[in-house]
Amino acid sequence: MKPKIEIAEILHSQSFWRHSTQFLATQKKDLHAMTLCRTAKLGRHIDHCGNCKEIRISYNSCRNRNCPKCQATYREKWITKREEEVLNVPYFHTVFTIPHVLNDLCLHNPEKMYTLLFKATWNTLKTFGESTLKGEMGMIAVLHTWGQNLSLHPHLHCIIPGGALVNGKHWKGSDKTGKYLFSAKGLAKMFRAKLLALIRKDAHLYSFFTAEIARKCFEKEWVVYAKRPFGGAKQIIEYLGRYTHKTAISNHRLLHYSDKKVTFSYKDYRNGAKKNEMTLSDVEFIRRYTQHLLPKGFRRIRHFGFYNGAIKKVKIEKIRKSIGQETPKIKEWDWIKLSKEKLGYDPLLCTCCGKREMVIMPRFASQRAPPNQQNVTENNLK
């Protein structure tokens, strides 16, 4: 179902961001791409029904990773590739969160801070794995920087197989069946120590790391959320898909936009995930949304341990052999089949006659008007 309001509409109506000095050039470029998404300015293609001769014009997407309209296909493609790597072992979902006192460092030095967040998280897990399981662990981590109300809330969602590859040959599973992989409190303490140590080693970040910030970092216990293991390759893949290609807010959460006020829905997780509504000025809404646009080229999905590097296929195959798991067949990428089965849209289905007879016809570059529809029919369909 098409959303009532889209972020692109808000960006069109309130265009202060185009000239504001508080936004980086890369952020403006991302926002501009979203305003052009699926419009004539990005070009179009024409489909023709071989049965009823119906003509359908479709506009191209911007393919920007921050655009909420462009993520569904990329998410399913990523999941398809991950099916080749799933193991028949228990998996754990762990979330590493940093306190709000470090938000200013993230705002002014996002690339460095988020890189250290990945590094501290993996170093923590790696240390626990080496001391407890005596082997190499694996981890897939996805960076999210937002809370439900679009506030800055950096955290990593980590999917972790419950075991380790010992001596590069054998799989050793965790004996904590039905329990957390490691102590959540132990993980949190080590994670805090490692992240703060990394910040202190960086001369630029350390210049912003005042004694007051350091004191507040130790006032409260840091939180590492660890979910009990869940099983089944299909469930794991679907679970991963919830987090990999999310944007700060989807168009479907936007409820109203009028009088320069934006109202959207959010879940209050401090109150039992109760669904509430929040209203912001369109200027504030854009400001909050923009702070979640990552630096150009920054990888928000990263693989570690035996999931990382060119040799990961060899390591995963050794684990499969150790646990008696057959190698899955590699699926070929078929966007038409994926759209039909996963996205609820069949590109070959004609909405006029109801038959799967749509054929892709000429593609037109950006800024070019499509030819007269009658000429298209006469020249291409005879």
Protein backbone atom coordinates (compact mmCIF):
# COMPACT_ATOMS: atom_id res chain seq x y z
CA MET A 1 0.00 0.00 0.00
CA LYS A 2 1.35 3.38 -1.00
CA PRO A 3 2.08 5.66 1.99
CA LYS A 4 0.09 8.86 2.40
CA ILE A 5 3.19 10.99 2.82
CA GLU A 6 6.78 10.56 1.69
CA ILE A 7 10.00 12.09 2.96
CA ALA A 8 10.59 13.42 -0.55
CA GLU A 9 7.44 15.55 -0.23
CA ILE A 10 8.74 17.13 2.98
CA LEU A 11 12.13 17.80 1.39
CA HIS A 12 10.43 19.46 -1.57
CA SER A 13 8.22 21.66 0.60
CA GLN A 14 10.92 22.76 3.03
CA SER A 15 14.08 23.33 1.00
CA PHE A 16 16.15 25.29 3.55
CA TRP A 17 18.60 22.39 3.63
CA ARG A 18 19.78 23.16 0.09
CA HIS A 19 21.47 26.40 1.22
CA SER A 20 22.05 25.73 4.92
CA THR A 21 25.65 25.66 6.10
CA GLN A 22 24.86 23.17 8.90
CA PHE A 23 24.68 20.29 6.40
CA LEU A 24 27.62 18.72 4.60
CA ALA A 25 27.76 18.58 0.82
CA THR A 26 27.43 14.78 0.92
CA GLN A 27 24.30 15.07 3.08
CA LYS A 28 22.75 17.55 0.68
CA LYS A 29 23.57 15.20 -2.18
CA ASP A 30 21.77 12.34 -0.41
CA LEU A 31 18.71 14.49 0.31
CA HIS A 32 18.64 15.76 -3.27
CA ALA A 33 18.74 12.19 -4.59
CA MET A 34 15.68 11.32 -2.51
CA THR A 35 13.73 14.23 -4.00
CA LEU A 36 14.41 12.87 -7.50
CA CYS A 37 13.62 9.23 -6.71
CA ARG A 38 11.15 7.73 -9.19
CA THR A 39 10.65 10.94 -11.10
CA ALA A 40 11.19 11.78 -14.76
CA LYS A 41 14.50 13.47 -13.91
CA LEU A 42 16.11 10.08 -13.29
CA GLY A 43 14.80 8.57 -16.50
CA ARG A 44 12.18 5.94 -17.15
CA HIS A 45 11.42 2.72 -18.92
CA ILE A 46 8.33 1.56 -20.77
CA ASP A 47 6.69 -1.85 -20.48
CA HIS A 48 4.22 -3.23 -23.00
CA CYS A 49 1.65 -6.01 -22.58
CA GLY A 50 1.86 -8.51 -25.42
CA ASN A 51 -1.77 -9.50 -24.85
CA CYS A 52 -3.81 -6.29 -24.55
CA LYS A 53 -1.19 -3.78 -25.81
CA GLU A 54 -1.32 -1.82 -22.52
CA ILE A 55 1.56 0.66 -22.09
CA ARG A 56 3.11 1.19 -18.63
CA ILE A 57 5.66 3.92 -17.87
CA SER A 58 7.86 3.42 -14.81
CA TYR A 59 10.31 5.97 -13.40
CA ASN A 60 13.76 4.95 -12.19
CA SER A 61 14.75 4.99 -8.52
CA CYS A 62 17.66 6.96 -7.03
CA ARG A 63 19.27 3.84 -5.49
CA ASN A 64 20.53 5.89 -2.57
CA ARG A 65 21.10 3.77 0.52
CA ASN A 66 19.34 6.37 2.69
CA CYS A 67 16.18 6.47 0.58
CA PRO A 68 13.32 4.50 2.19
CA LYS A 69 11.85 3.68 -1.24
CA CYS A 70 14.96 1.94 -2.57
CA GLN A 71 15.88 -0.61 0.10
CA ALA A 72 13.50 -3.54 -0.39
CA THR A 73 15.23 -5.06 -3.42
CA TYR A 74 18.72 -4.53 -1.99
CA ARG A 75 17.63 -6.13 1.29
CA GLU A 76 16.33 -9.25 -0.43
CA LYS A 77 19.44 -9.49 -2.62
CA TRP A 78 21.66 -9.27 0.46
CA ILE A 79 19.62 -11.94 2.23
CA THR A 80 19.90 -14.24 -0.79
CA LYS A 81 23.70 -14.04 -0.58
CA ARG A 82 23.63 -14.69 3.18
CA GLU A 83 21.75 -17.96 2.59
CA GLU A 84 25.03 -19.33 1.29
CA GLU A 85 26.69 -18.69 4.67
CA VAL A 86 24.11 -19.80 7.24
CA LEU A 87 25.17 -22.64 9.54
CA ASN A 88 22.98 -25.20 11.27
CA VAL A 89 23.97 -23.96 14.73
CA PRO A 90 22.23 -21.74 17.32
CA TYR A 91 22.51 -18.01 16.62
CA PHE A 92 22.42 -15.14 19.08
CA HIS A 93 21.26 -11.56 18.62
CA THR A 94 23.30 -9.09 20.69
CA VAL A 95 22.97 -5.29 20.71
CA PHE A 96 25.85 -3.06 21.80
CA THR A 97 24.75 0.47 22.72
CA ILE A 98 26.77 3.53 23.70
CA PRO A 99 25.47 6.10 26.24
CA HIS A 100 24.03 9.46 25.15
CA VAL A 101 26.98 11.30 26.71
CA LEU A 102 29.04 10.23 23.65
CA ASN A 103 26.51 11.61 21.15
CA ASP A 104 28.41 14.84 20.57
CA LEU A 105 31.50 12.89 19.56
CA CYS A 106 29.36 10.90 17.12
CA LEU A 107 27.83 14.04 15.63
CA HIS A 108 31.15 15.78 15.05
CA ASN A 109 33.25 12.71 14.23
CA PRO A 110 30.80 10.09 12.94
CA GLU A 111 33.21 8.14 10.76
CA LYS A 112 35.81 7.73 13.51
CA MET A 113 33.33 7.03 16.30
CA TYR A 114 31.31 4.48 14.38
CA THR A 115 34.50 2.76 13.19
CA LEU A 116 35.66 2.48 16.81
CA LEU A 117 32.21 1.18 17.79
CA PHE A 118 32.62 -1.71 15.35
CA LYS A 119 36.20 -2.30 16.50
CA ALA A 120 35.43 -2.27 20.24
CA THR A 121 32.46 -4.59 19.77
CA TRP A 122 34.43 -7.16 17.79
CA ASN A 123 37.45 -6.96 20.13
CA THR A 124 35.14 -7.65 23.05
CA LEU A 125 33.48 -10.63 21.43
CA LYS A 126 36.79 -11.93 20.11
CA THR A 127 38.32 -11.81 23.60
CA PHE A 128 35.41 -13.73 25.12
CA GLY A 129 35.53 -16.29 22.32
CA GLU A 130 39.25 -16.92 22.64
CA SER A 131 39.13 -17.26 26.43
CA THR A 132 35.92 -19.31 26.65
CA LEU A 133 35.66 -21.29 23.42
CA LYS A 134 39.38 -21.29 22.51
CA GLY A 135 38.68 -20.51 18.85
CA GLU A 136 37.70 -17.97 16.21
CA MET A 137 34.16 -16.67 16.33
CA GLY A 138 32.13 -15.00 13.60
CA MET A 139 29.88 -11.95 13.64
CA ILE A 140 27.70 -9.94 11.27
CA ALA A 141 27.13 -6.42 12.62
CA VAL A 142 24.72 -3.74 11.39
CA LEU A 143 25.00 -0.12 12.52
CA HIS A 144 21.85 1.79 13.45
CA THR A 145 22.18 5.38 14.64
CA TRP A 146 18.56 6.22 15.40
CA GLY A 147 15.90 5.75 18.02
CA GLN A 148 12.20 5.46 17.20
CA ASN A 149 11.75 9.24 17.60
CA LEU A 150 14.69 9.98 15.24
CA SER A 151 16.97 10.98 18.11
CA LEU A 152 20.62 10.00 17.90
CA HIS A 153 21.03 6.52 19.39
CA PRO A 154 24.06 4.68 17.94
CA HIS A 155 24.06 0.92 18.45
CA LEU A 156 25.14 -2.27 16.71
CA HIS A 157 22.87 -5.22 15.98
CA CYS A 158 25.08 -8.31 15.96
CA ILE A 159 24.17 -11.78 14.75
CA ILE A 160 26.57 -14.28 16.29
CA PRO A 161 26.80 -18.07 15.68
CA GLY A 162 26.92 -19.93 19.00
CA GLY A 163 30.41 -21.39 18.82
CA ALA A 164 33.89 -21.03 17.38
CA LEU A 165 36.21 -22.55 14.77
CA VAL A 166 39.02 -24.24 16.69
CA ASN A 167 42.47 -24.65 15.09
CA GLY A 168 40.93 -23.68 11.75
CA LYS A 169 39.35 -27.15 11.44
CA HIS A 170 36.77 -28.07 14.06
CA TRP A 171 33.59 -26.44 15.33
CA LYS A 172 33.15 -26.06 19.06
CA GLY A 173 29.62 -25.12 20.06
CA SER A 174 28.68 -23.22 23.18
CA ASP A 175 27.43 -25.38 26.05
CA LYS A 176 24.95 -22.68 27.09
CA THR A 177 21.98 -24.15 25.26
CA GLY A 178 18.90 -22.06 25.91
CA LYS A 179 20.95 -19.33 27.62
CA TYR A 180 22.86 -16.27 26.54
CA LEU A 181 26.12 -16.93 24.74
CA PHE A 182 28.14 -14.94 27.30
CA SER A 183 27.39 -12.87 30.37
CA ALA A 184 25.70 -9.65 29.20
CA LYS A 185 27.15 -7.71 32.15
CA GLY A 186 30.62 -9.05 31.43
CA LEU A 187 30.32 -8.06 27.78
CA ALA A 188 29.14 -4.55 28.74
CA LYS A 189 32.05 -3.91 31.10
CA MET A 190 34.68 -5.05 28.64
CA PHE A 191 32.99 -3.19 25.78
CA ARG A 192 33.07 0.06 27.79
CA ALA A 193 36.74 -0.38 28.67
CA LYS A 194 37.77 -1.15 25.09
CA LEU A 195 35.79 1.66 23.47
CA LEU A 196 37.01 4.31 25.90
CA ALA A 197 40.59 3.08 25.48
CA LEU A 198 40.28 3.42 21.70
CA ILE A 199 38.89 6.96 22.06
CA ARG A 200 41.81 7.95 24.28
CA LYS A 201 44.28 6.64 21.71
CA ASP A 202 42.84 8.87 18.99
CA ALA A 203 44.36 12.32 19.42
CA HIS A 204 41.52 14.13 17.66
CA LEU A 205 38.72 12.38 19.54
CA TYR A 206 40.58 12.63 22.83
CA SER A 207 40.67 16.43 22.50
CA PHE A 208 36.84 16.37 22.79
CA PHE A 209 36.81 13.67 25.48
CA THR A 210 36.66 15.89 28.55
CA ALA A 211 36.96 14.80 32.17
CA GLU A 212 33.23 15.46 32.56
CA ILE A 213 32.38 13.07 29.72
CA ALA A 214 34.70 10.45 31.15
CA ARG A 215 33.05 10.76 34.56
CA LYS A 216 29.56 10.36 33.10
CA CYS A 217 30.67 7.31 31.11
CA PHE A 218 31.37 5.51 34.40
CA GLU A 219 28.37 6.80 36.37
CA LYS A 220 25.96 4.26 34.90
CA GLU A 221 26.38 0.69 33.76
CA TRP A 222 26.53 0.30 29.99
CA VAL A 223 23.91 -1.95 28.43
CA VAL A 224 24.50 -4.93 26.15
CA TYR A 225 21.25 -6.61 25.19
CA ALA A 226 21.57 -10.34 24.56
CA LYS A 227 18.66 -12.32 23.18
CA ARG A 228 18.26 -16.03 23.67
CA PRO A 229 19.25 -18.21 20.72
CA PHE A 230 16.86 -18.86 17.88
CA GLY A 231 17.15 -21.70 15.42
CA GLY A 232 16.45 -22.55 11.82
CA ALA A 233 18.25 -21.12 8.82
CA LYS A 234 15.08 -19.56 7.38
CA GLN A 235 14.28 -17.76 10.62
CA ILE A 236 17.84 -16.45 10.88
CA ILE A 237 17.78 -15.08 7.34
CA GLU A 238 14.42 -13.36 7.83
CA TYR A 239 15.59 -11.95 11.15
CA LEU A 240 18.68 -10.48 9.54
CA GLY A 241 16.54 -8.82 6.92
CA ARG A 242 14.77 -6.69 9.51
CA TYR A 243 17.94 -4.80 10.32
CA THR A 244 20.26 -4.78 7.31
CA HIS A 245 18.72 -2.14 5.05
CA LYS A 246 16.56 -0.11 7.38
CA THR A 247 16.56 3.66 7.13
CA ALA A 248 15.99 6.05 10.03
CA ILE A 249 12.25 6.14 9.32
CA SER A 250 10.04 4.59 6.66
CA ASN A 251 7.44 6.49 4.69
CA HIS A 252 4.71 4.30 6.18
CA ARG A 253 5.37 5.77 9.63
CA LEU A 254 4.58 9.28 8.40
CA LEU A 255 0.99 10.17 9.33
CA HIS A 256 0.38 13.86 8.56
CA TYR A 257 2.16 16.82 7.04
CA SER A 258 0.48 20.23 7.10
CA ASP A 259 1.23 23.74 8.34
CA LYS A 260 4.92 22.83 8.31
CA LYS A 261 4.34 20.14 10.95
CA VAL A 262 5.22 16.47 10.51
CA THR A 263 3.46 13.80 12.56
CA PHE A 264 4.80 10.26 12.64
CA SER A 265 4.27 7.10 14.69
CA TYR A 266 6.85 5.52 16.96
CA LYS A 267 7.10 2.77 19.54
CA ASP A 268 7.92 3.70 23.11
CA TYR A 269 10.09 0.78 24.22
CA ARG A 270 10.35 2.20 27.72
CA ASN A 271 6.59 1.74 28.02
CA GLY A 272 6.10 -1.75 26.68
CA ALA A 273 6.56 -0.78 23.01
CA LYS A 274 3.36 1.24 23.14
CA LYS A 275 2.59 2.95 19.84
CA ASN A 276 2.55 6.75 20.10
CA GLU A 277 2.64 9.75 17.80
CA MET A 278 5.11 12.63 17.69
CA THR A 279 4.83 15.97 15.91
CA LEU A 280 7.86 18.01 14.84
CA SER A 281 8.35 21.05 12.66
CA ASP A 282 9.47 20.07 9.18
CA VAL A 283 12.79 21.85 9.82
CA GLU A 284 13.42 19.79 12.96
CA PHE A 285 12.27 16.61 11.22
CA ILE A 286 14.78 17.14 8.39
CA ARG A 287 17.53 18.01 10.88
CA ARG A 288 16.95 14.79 12.83
CA TYR A 289 16.74 12.71 9.69
CA THR A 290 19.95 14.19 8.27
CA GLN A 291 22.04 13.31 11.33
CA HIS A 292 21.54 9.64 10.40
CA LEU A 293 23.04 10.00 6.91
CA LEU A 294 26.33 8.17 7.14
CA PRO A 295 29.62 9.49 5.68
CA LYS A 296 30.21 8.69 2.03
CA GLY A 297 31.60 5.19 1.54
CA PHE A 298 31.08 4.17 5.17
CA ARG A 299 30.12 0.50 5.48
CA ARG A 300 27.24 0.08 7.92
CA ILE A 301 27.15 -3.73 7.51
CA ARG A 302 30.39 -5.51 8.43
CA HIS A 303 31.56 -9.10 8.79
CA PHE A 304 34.09 -10.34 11.33
CA GLY A 305 35.95 -13.50 12.27
CA PHE A 306 35.30 -16.48 10.03
CA TYR A 307 32.67 -14.41 8.20
CA ASN A 308 35.29 -11.92 7.04
CA GLY A 309 37.82 -11.93 4.23
CA ALA A 310 38.36 -13.78 1.00
CA ILE A 311 38.96 -17.04 2.88
CA LYS A 312 35.56 -17.04 4.61
CA LYS A 313 34.08 -19.56 2.15
CA VAL A 314 36.84 -22.01 3.03
CA LYS A 315 36.30 -21.53 6.77
CA ILE A 316 32.53 -21.85 6.53
CA GLU A 317 32.91 -25.02 4.49
CA LYS A 318 35.19 -26.48 7.18
CA ILE A 319 32.58 -25.69 9.81
CA ARG A 320 29.87 -27.37 7.72
CA LYS A 321 32.04 -30.45 7.34
CA SER A 322 32.69 -30.51 11.09
CA ILE A 323 28.97 -30.36 11.99
CA GLY A 324 27.79 -32.57 9.12
CA GLN A 325 25.94 -29.87 7.17
CA GLU A 326 25.56 -30.09 3.41
CA THR A 327 26.65 -27.18 1.25
CA PRO A 328 23.57 -25.29 0.04
CA LYS A 329 23.00 -24.71 -3.64
CA ILE A 330 23.89 -21.23 -4.84
CA LYS A 331 20.80 -19.44 -6.09
CA GLU A 332 20.95 -17.27 -9.17
CA TRP A 333 19.80 -13.69 -8.76
CA ASP A 334 16.35 -13.28 -10.34
CA TRP A 335 14.80 -9.89 -9.56
CA ILE A 336 11.48 -10.78 -11.23
CA LYS A 337 11.04 -13.90 -9.10
CA LEU A 338 12.16 -12.01 -5.99
CA SER A 339 9.71 -9.18 -6.61
CA LYS A 340 6.86 -11.64 -7.02
CA GLU A 341 7.65 -13.86 -4.02
CA LYS A 342 9.07 -11.35 -1.52
CA LEU A 343 7.86 -7.87 -2.43
CA GLY A 344 4.31 -8.63 -3.51
CA TYR A 345 4.80 -7.16 -6.96
CA ASP A 346 4.97 -9.05 -10.25
CA PRO A 347 6.75 -6.96 -12.92
CA LEU A 348 5.36 -9.20 -15.67
CA LEU A 349 1.72 -8.95 -14.58
CA CYS A 350 -0.46 -6.61 -16.62
CA THR A 351 -2.87 -4.69 -14.38
CA CYS A 352 -5.19 -4.22 -17.34
CA CYS A 353 -5.81 -7.79 -18.56
CA GLY A 354 -4.33 -9.68 -15.60
CA LYS A 355 -1.94 -11.78 -17.67
CA ARG A 356 1.84 -12.10 -17.25
CA GLU A 357 2.64 -10.69 -20.68
CA MET A 358 4.52 -7.47 -19.84
CA VAL A 359 7.65 -6.93 -21.94
CA ILE A 360 10.31 -4.32 -21.17
CA MET A 361 10.58 -1.86 -24.03
CA PRO A 362 12.85 1.18 -24.63
CA ARG A 363 14.64 2.80 -21.72
CA PHE A 364 14.98 6.58 -21.67
CA ALA A 365 17.77 8.53 -20.02
CA SER A 366 17.18 11.28 -17.47
CA GLN A 367 15.64 14.58 -18.59
CA ARG A 368 14.25 12.99 -21.77
CA ALA A 369 10.53 13.00 -22.37
CA PRO A 370 9.02 9.71 -23.56
CA PRO A 371 7.99 9.61 -27.18
CA ASN A 372 4.38 9.97 -28.20
CA GLN A 373 2.56 6.89 -26.97
CA GLN A 374 0.95 6.35 -30.37
CA ASN A 375 4.36 6.40 -32.06
CA VAL A 376 5.70 3.90 -29.52
CA THR A 377 2.88 1.54 -30.36
CA GLU A 378 3.25 1.94 -34.12
CA ASN A 379 7.06 1.74 -34.29
CA ASN A 380 7.75 -0.96 -31.69
CA LEU A 381 4.70 -3.16 -31.44
CA LYS A 382 3.93 -4.04 -35.07
